[in-house]
Amino acid sequence: MKIGIFDPYLDTLGGGERYMLTLAECLSKSNKVFVFWNDHSIIEKAEKKFGLDLKNVKMTKNVFSNTTKIYRFFATFGYDRIILLSDGSIPVLPAKKTFVHFQAPLKEENVMSTTKAKLKAIKAIIVNSYYTKKYIDQAFSRNSTVIYPPVEVDKFSNTKKKENIILTVGRYSRIPGGDFKKHTEMIKAFKDLVDAGLKGWKFHMVISHLPRDEEKVQGLINTVGNYPIKIVTKASNEEIIDLYEKSKIYWHAAGYGEDLHKNPDHAEHFGIAIVEAIAAGAVPVVFGAGGLKEIVEKGDVGRVWNNLNELKVITNELISNELLRREFIARGTKEAGFYSKDRFCKEVTELVK
């Protein structure tokens, strides 16, 4: 088959782009796969950043940007399948089957009636979690298909000697009133634990950020003081993997303090870092919403919390109860394999055939 793939945010090479390009890699093994994008260097950059094998993926003109609808329509004739990551819009295309992928929840009131009408021609909607599915199904009155993102679980080992480290890994990104990952709140929680008597433990925060957020991240660093908190902003993949494998506990706080009924996209839509943590033998302690709760409760691989006091109580319990942590790790070792690239490729291939 001839398959076309388009992601309007491809140059950001974020989580959605990893999803779409892994999909391209999977399908290119037995199909002719083309990515609509004008900068052909993006393939090499993606291979380096995500560790993908895209040698069989071809680049073609981006007919979805700065072109007329008529030109786009005729330029996509001859494709058997087209797969789109939607930014909220839905183009009308002549492919035999068109698939749309949503990475984030959308509320029905934010979807135009014309978009809903165009979705009638879509073969299937793909989403990355049941959390996203809930909102997409309501918004479009369709039954979307959940295909969890692929996670490179094989690169992690949970046999390394553990240290008394609590870890969090994530990009600093702004939302109204604060930052998406809630770094400030986690720093406060750890300080409270230390002030209450916790000794011999460290909190490591790996934070990536855009140049525009340099001042904000430096502000976080300035709040650390003499507490055993280390903020790393330029960590290599090897350093991050090493931290995962040495850490005993993993924190994630996205969604905390947010009105998720009003802004469901302010919760983590999936949570690749959680899967990486359980693959590395770090017990996740996560805010009880979105994809975070879904992953942790699905395999009973960690604990969820709803306020900072619960976060601290649960953390103290895990610190003092080695047996409980080992039980979570044992279940996590089995559960992590579910999110492998092989599973992802199989589900994608079956859906688009």
Protein backbone atom coordinates (compact mmCIF):
# COMPACT_ATOMS: atom_id res chain seq x y z
CA MET A 1 0.00 0.00 0.00
CA LYS A 2 0.96 3.63 -0.46
CA ILE A 3 0.58 5.39 2.90
CA GLY A 4 0.89 9.11 3.62
CA ILE A 5 1.53 10.53 7.12
CA PHE A 6 1.18 14.12 8.27
CA ASP A 7 1.95 15.75 11.62
CA PRO A 8 1.62 19.57 11.70
CA TYR A 9 4.05 19.79 14.63
CA LEU A 10 6.76 17.57 13.17
CA ASP A 11 9.53 20.14 13.66
CA THR A 12 9.01 20.11 17.45
CA LEU A 13 9.93 16.40 17.70
CA GLY A 14 7.86 15.93 20.84
CA GLY A 15 5.84 12.99 22.11
CA GLY A 16 3.24 13.20 19.36
CA GLU A 17 5.97 13.22 16.73
CA ARG A 18 7.60 10.18 18.29
CA TYR A 19 4.22 8.44 18.06
CA MET A 20 3.65 9.34 14.40
CA LEU A 21 7.19 8.55 13.24
CA THR A 22 7.25 5.23 15.09
CA LEU A 23 4.01 4.51 13.27
CA ALA A 24 5.79 5.41 10.02
CA GLU A 25 8.66 3.07 10.85
CA CYS A 26 6.30 0.20 11.62
CA LEU A 27 4.27 0.56 8.44
CA SER A 28 7.33 1.12 6.20
CA LYS A 29 8.42 -2.50 6.71
CA SER A 30 5.76 -3.75 4.30
CA ASN A 31 4.34 -0.60 2.67
CA LYS A 32 5.49 2.49 0.79
CA VAL A 33 5.35 5.22 3.43
CA PHE A 34 5.63 8.95 2.75
CA VAL A 35 5.78 11.78 5.27
CA PHE A 36 4.42 15.14 4.13
CA TRP A 37 7.13 17.64 5.13
CA ASN A 38 9.39 20.07 3.27
CA ASP A 39 12.51 19.91 5.47
CA HIS A 40 13.98 16.50 4.66
CA SER A 41 16.58 16.78 7.45
CA ILE A 42 13.80 16.12 9.98
CA ILE A 43 14.11 12.38 9.35
CA GLU A 44 17.78 12.28 10.39
CA LYS A 45 17.04 14.42 13.44
CA ALA A 46 14.19 12.11 14.45
CA GLU A 47 16.34 9.01 14.04
CA LYS A 48 18.95 10.48 16.39
CA LYS A 49 16.51 11.76 18.98
CA PHE A 50 14.11 8.81 19.08
CA GLY A 51 16.38 5.95 18.00
CA LEU A 52 14.11 5.08 15.06
CA ASP A 53 14.96 3.29 11.81
CA LEU A 54 13.38 5.47 9.11
CA LYS A 55 15.49 4.43 6.12
CA ASN A 56 12.41 3.11 4.31
CA VAL A 57 10.37 6.27 4.97
CA LYS A 58 10.29 8.79 2.12
CA MET A 59 9.70 12.54 2.33
CA THR A 60 7.27 14.31 0.04
CA LYS A 61 6.02 17.87 -0.34
CA ASN A 62 3.94 19.15 2.55
CA VAL A 63 0.66 19.69 0.74
CA PHE A 64 -1.11 20.48 4.02
CA SER A 65 0.66 23.82 4.52
CA ASN A 66 0.38 26.95 2.37
CA THR A 67 -1.64 25.20 -0.35
CA THR A 68 -5.26 25.38 -1.43
CA LYS A 69 -7.79 22.71 -0.48
CA ILE A 70 -8.21 21.79 -4.14
CA TYR A 71 -4.45 21.38 -4.64
CA ARG A 72 -4.21 19.28 -1.48
CA PHE A 73 -7.10 17.10 -2.60
CA PHE A 74 -5.61 16.27 -6.01
CA ALA A 75 -2.06 15.94 -4.59
CA THR A 76 -3.22 13.15 -2.30
CA PHE A 77 -4.85 11.05 -5.03
CA GLY A 78 -3.29 7.61 -5.30
CA TYR A 79 -2.79 7.07 -1.57
CA ASP A 80 -4.35 3.95 -0.12
CA ARG A 81 -4.13 5.24 3.44
CA ILE A 82 -3.48 8.66 4.97
CA ILE A 83 -2.87 9.07 8.71
CA LEU A 84 -3.07 12.53 10.26
CA LEU A 85 -2.24 13.92 13.65
CA SER A 86 -5.02 16.46 14.04
CA ASP A 87 -4.55 19.95 15.43
CA GLY A 88 -8.35 20.13 15.67
CA SER A 89 -8.97 20.45 11.93
CA ILE A 90 -9.97 17.64 9.55
CA PRO A 91 -9.16 17.90 5.81
CA VAL A 92 -11.26 16.20 3.14
CA LEU A 93 -9.02 13.74 1.26
CA PRO A 94 -9.47 11.19 -1.54
CA ALA A 95 -7.48 8.33 0.05
CA LYS A 96 -9.27 4.97 0.22
CA LYS A 97 -9.07 5.17 4.02
CA THR A 98 -8.13 8.15 6.20
CA PHE A 99 -7.24 7.86 9.87
CA VAL A 100 -7.00 10.69 12.39
CA HIS A 101 -4.92 10.63 15.57
CA PHE A 102 -5.61 12.86 18.58
CA GLN A 103 -2.91 13.24 21.22
CA ALA A 104 -4.94 15.35 23.64
CA PRO A 105 -8.52 15.66 24.93
CA LEU A 106 -10.89 18.06 23.18
CA LYS A 107 -14.12 19.34 24.68
CA GLU A 108 -17.24 19.16 22.53
CA GLU A 109 -17.90 22.89 22.78
CA ASN A 110 -14.47 23.57 21.26
CA VAL A 111 -15.15 21.52 18.14
CA MET A 112 -16.70 23.18 15.09
CA SER A 113 -19.80 21.56 13.57
CA THR A 114 -18.05 21.41 10.18
CA THR A 115 -15.26 19.36 11.75
CA LYS A 116 -17.77 16.86 13.08
CA ALA A 117 -19.30 16.57 9.60
CA LYS A 118 -15.92 15.92 7.98
CA LEU A 119 -15.20 13.12 10.45
CA LYS A 120 -17.96 11.05 8.84
CA ALA A 121 -15.49 10.30 6.04
CA ILE A 122 -12.78 9.16 8.47
CA LYS A 123 -12.24 5.41 8.74
CA ALA A 124 -11.08 5.48 12.37
CA ILE A 125 -9.95 7.83 15.11
CA ILE A 126 -6.83 6.81 17.03
CA VAL A 127 -6.12 8.06 20.55
CA ASN A 128 -3.25 7.50 22.98
CA SER A 129 -5.18 6.62 26.16
CA TYR A 130 -8.63 5.97 27.55
CA TYR A 131 -8.44 9.39 29.19
CA THR A 132 -8.12 11.03 25.78
CA LYS A 133 -10.73 8.64 24.36
CA LYS A 134 -13.36 9.76 26.87
CA TYR A 135 -13.27 13.34 25.61
CA ILE A 136 -12.75 12.60 21.92
CA ASP A 137 -15.68 10.18 21.85
CA GLN A 138 -17.93 12.75 23.51
CA ALA A 139 -16.74 15.55 21.21
CA PHE A 140 -17.26 13.66 17.95
CA SER A 141 -19.88 11.04 18.87
CA ARG A 142 -17.52 8.34 17.62
CA ASN A 143 -15.94 5.23 19.14
CA SER A 144 -12.21 5.91 18.91
CA THR A 145 -9.50 3.26 19.10
CA VAL A 146 -6.91 3.37 21.88
CA ILE A 147 -3.38 2.50 20.80
CA TYR A 148 -1.00 3.25 23.65
CA PRO A 149 2.26 4.95 22.64
CA PRO A 150 5.37 2.79 22.20
CA VAL A 151 7.95 3.01 24.96
CA GLU A 152 11.53 1.77 24.69
CA VAL A 153 11.23 -0.39 27.77
CA ASP A 154 14.09 -2.67 26.67
CA LYS A 155 16.68 0.05 27.27
CA PHE A 156 15.93 0.05 31.00
CA SER A 157 17.06 -2.44 33.64
CA ASN A 158 15.67 -2.79 37.17
CA THR A 159 18.63 -4.80 38.45
CA LYS A 160 20.94 -1.86 39.20
CA LYS A 161 21.68 -1.12 42.87
CA LYS A 162 19.13 1.37 44.07
CA GLU A 163 19.88 4.59 45.92
CA ASN A 164 17.68 6.76 48.13
CA ILE A 165 16.52 8.92 45.24
CA ILE A 166 13.11 10.28 44.29
CA LEU A 167 13.09 11.21 40.60
CA THR A 168 10.96 13.25 38.23
CA VAL A 169 11.67 13.82 34.53
CA GLY A 170 9.84 16.26 32.26
CA ARG A 171 9.83 19.38 30.15
CA TYR A 172 9.05 22.74 31.69
CA SER A 173 6.02 24.09 29.84
CA ARG A 174 3.82 26.98 30.85
CA ILE A 175 0.09 26.90 31.44
CA PRO A 176 -2.00 29.70 32.98
CA GLY A 177 -1.05 30.05 36.62
CA GLY A 178 2.07 27.88 36.60
CA ASP A 179 3.79 25.03 34.81
CA PHE A 180 2.27 21.84 33.43
CA LYS A 181 4.45 19.39 35.38
CA LYS A 182 4.02 21.21 38.71
CA HIS A 183 7.73 21.40 39.52
CA THR A 184 7.20 24.08 42.17
CA GLU A 185 4.67 21.96 44.03
CA MET A 186 6.94 18.90 44.04
CA ILE A 187 9.85 20.94 45.38
CA LYS A 188 7.62 22.16 48.21
CA ALA A 189 6.46 18.62 49.00
CA PHE A 190 10.01 17.31 49.24
CA LYS A 191 11.09 20.23 51.40
CA ASP A 192 8.18 19.44 53.73
CA LEU A 193 9.36 15.81 53.99
CA VAL A 194 12.87 16.96 54.91
CA ASP A 195 11.55 19.50 57.40
CA ALA A 196 9.48 16.71 58.99
CA GLY A 197 12.59 14.59 59.55
CA LEU A 198 13.38 12.74 56.31
CA LYS A 199 17.12 12.06 56.15
CA GLY A 200 19.41 10.41 53.64
CA TRP A 201 17.16 10.93 50.62
CA LYS A 202 17.63 13.14 47.54
CA PHE A 203 15.18 14.57 45.03
CA HIS A 204 16.48 14.68 41.45
CA MET A 205 14.59 16.72 38.87
CA VAL A 206 15.53 16.37 35.19
CA ILE A 207 14.00 19.36 33.41
CA SER A 208 14.25 20.15 29.70
CA HIS A 209 13.04 23.52 28.49
CA LEU A 210 12.87 25.94 25.60
CA PRO A 211 15.21 28.98 25.57
CA ARG A 212 12.26 31.26 26.36
CA ASP A 213 11.77 29.44 29.69
CA GLU A 214 15.39 29.69 30.86
CA GLU A 215 14.54 32.35 33.44
CA LYS A 216 11.62 30.33 34.83
CA VAL A 217 13.76 27.20 35.25
CA GLN A 218 16.56 29.22 36.84
CA GLY A 219 13.95 30.51 39.26
CA LEU A 220 13.18 26.92 40.26
CA ILE A 221 16.87 26.25 40.80
CA ASN A 222 17.11 29.33 43.02
CA THR A 223 14.39 27.96 45.33
CA VAL A 224 16.34 24.79 46.21
CA GLY A 225 18.49 26.36 48.89
CA ASN A 226 20.36 23.86 51.09
CA TYR A 227 17.87 21.05 50.58
CA PRO A 228 19.09 17.79 48.96
CA ILE A 229 17.42 18.66 45.66
CA LYS A 230 19.30 18.51 42.39
CA ILE A 231 17.88 20.05 39.22
CA VAL A 232 19.53 18.89 35.99
CA THR A 233 18.73 20.79 32.80
CA LYS A 234 21.15 19.30 30.29
CA ALA A 235 21.13 15.55 30.86
CA SER A 236 22.10 13.07 28.16
CA ASN A 237 19.93 10.03 27.45
CA GLU A 238 22.53 7.86 29.21
CA GLU A 239 22.44 10.05 32.32
CA ILE A 240 18.64 10.00 32.41
CA ILE A 241 18.51 6.21 32.06
CA ASP A 242 21.09 5.89 34.85
CA LEU A 243 18.95 8.07 37.13
CA TYR A 244 15.83 6.04 36.39
CA GLU A 245 17.67 2.83 37.23
CA LYS A 246 19.15 4.18 40.50
CA SER A 247 15.94 5.78 41.78
CA LYS A 248 13.56 4.04 44.16
CA ILE A 249 10.54 6.32 43.74
CA TYR A 250 9.22 8.36 40.81
CA TRP A 251 7.01 11.43 41.25
CA HIS A 252 4.63 12.96 38.70
CA ALA A 253 2.25 15.82 39.49
CA ALA A 254 0.74 17.00 36.19
CA GLY A 255 -2.91 17.94 36.68
CA TYR A 256 -2.62 18.81 40.36
CA GLY A 257 -4.56 21.95 41.29
CA GLU A 258 -6.19 22.23 37.86
CA ASP A 259 -9.85 22.41 36.91
CA LEU A 260 -9.73 19.33 34.70
CA HIS A 261 -13.42 19.51 33.87
CA LYS A 262 -12.79 22.89 32.28
CA ASN A 263 -9.29 22.09 30.98
CA PRO A 264 -8.89 18.31 30.56
CA ASP A 265 -5.71 18.91 28.53
CA HIS A 266 -4.01 20.16 31.71
CA ALA A 267 -3.68 16.56 32.89
CA GLU A 268 -1.11 14.18 31.41
CA HIS A 269 -2.75 12.57 28.38
CA PHE A 270 -0.66 9.40 28.67
CA GLY A 271 2.65 9.49 30.55
CA ILE A 272 5.62 7.83 28.84
CA ALA A 273 7.86 8.75 31.79
CA ILE A 274 5.71 6.58 34.08
CA VAL A 275 6.24 3.52 31.89
CA GLU A 276 9.98 4.25 31.78
CA ALA A 277 10.01 4.48 35.57
CA ILE A 278 8.31 1.12 36.12
CA ALA A 279 10.61 -0.49 33.51
CA ALA A 280 13.57 0.78 35.53
CA GLY A 281 12.19 -0.40 38.87
CA ALA A 282 11.21 3.01 40.26
CA VAL A 283 7.79 2.96 41.93
CA PRO A 284 5.55 5.70 40.49
CA VAL A 285 3.65 7.96 42.87
CA VAL A 286 1.44 10.08 40.63
CA PHE A 287 -1.38 12.57 40.71
CA GLY A 288 -4.68 10.72 40.35
CA ALA A 289 -5.89 11.95 37.00
CA GLY A 290 -5.42 11.48 33.27
CA GLY A 291 -3.08 8.93 31.78
CA LEU A 292 -1.00 8.81 34.97
CA LYS A 293 -3.79 7.22 36.99
CA GLU A 294 -4.68 4.98 34.06
CA ILE A 295 -1.19 3.48 33.77
CA VAL A 296 -0.59 3.03 37.49
CA GLU A 297 -3.97 1.48 38.29
CA LYS A 298 -4.10 -0.71 35.18
CA GLY A 299 -1.25 -2.90 36.41
CA ASP A 300 -1.27 -1.94 40.11
CA VAL A 301 2.33 -0.76 39.72
CA GLY A 302 2.34 2.24 42.07
CA ARG A 303 0.19 4.66 44.02
CA VAL A 304 -1.94 7.69 43.19
CA TRP A 305 -2.54 10.81 45.27
CA ASN A 306 -5.01 13.70 45.20
CA ASN A 307 -3.33 16.31 47.39
CA LEU A 308 0.20 17.08 48.55
CA ASN A 309 -0.40 15.61 51.98
CA GLU A 310 -1.31 12.27 50.39
CA LEU A 311 1.82 12.50 48.23
CA LYS A 312 3.94 12.87 51.35
CA VAL A 313 2.16 10.12 53.30
CA ILE A 314 2.45 7.63 50.43
CA THR A 315 6.10 8.51 49.87
CA ASN A 316 6.93 7.95 53.53
CA GLU A 317 5.14 4.61 53.40
CA LEU A 318 7.21 3.47 50.42
CA ILE A 319 10.42 4.71 52.03
CA SER A 320 9.77 2.69 55.19
CA ASN A 321 8.31 -0.42 53.54
CA GLU A 322 10.87 -2.18 51.35
CA LEU A 323 8.58 -5.19 50.85
CA LEU A 324 5.79 -3.01 49.46
CA ARG A 325 8.16 -1.38 46.98
CA ARG A 326 9.40 -4.78 45.81
CA GLU A 327 5.82 -5.92 45.23
CA PHE A 328 5.17 -2.90 43.03
CA ILE A 329 8.45 -3.47 41.16
CA ALA A 330 7.62 -7.13 40.49
CA ARG A 331 4.27 -6.20 38.95
CA GLY A 332 5.87 -3.31 37.06
CA THR A 333 8.45 -5.58 35.46
CA LYS A 334 5.65 -7.59 33.87
CA GLU A 335 3.48 -4.60 33.02
CA ALA A 336 6.20 -2.55 31.29
CA GLY A 337 6.46 -5.05 28.45
CA PHE A 338 2.88 -4.30 27.44
CA TYR A 339 3.96 -0.88 26.15
CA SER A 340 6.68 -2.17 23.79
CA LYS A 341 7.17 -1.07 20.20
CA ASP A 342 6.29 -4.59 18.99
CA ARG A 343 2.83 -4.31 20.56
CA PHE A 344 2.38 -0.83 19.07
CA CYS A 345 3.39 -1.96 15.57
CA LYS A 346 1.08 -4.96 15.68
CA GLU A 347 -1.93 -2.86 16.69
CA VAL A 348 -1.22 -0.12 14.14
CA THR A 349 -0.70 -2.58 11.29
CA GLU A 350 -3.90 -4.43 12.13
CA LEU A 351 -5.93 -1.22 12.24
CA VAL A 352 -4.83 0.32 8.93
CA LYS A 353 -4.77 -2.84 6.78
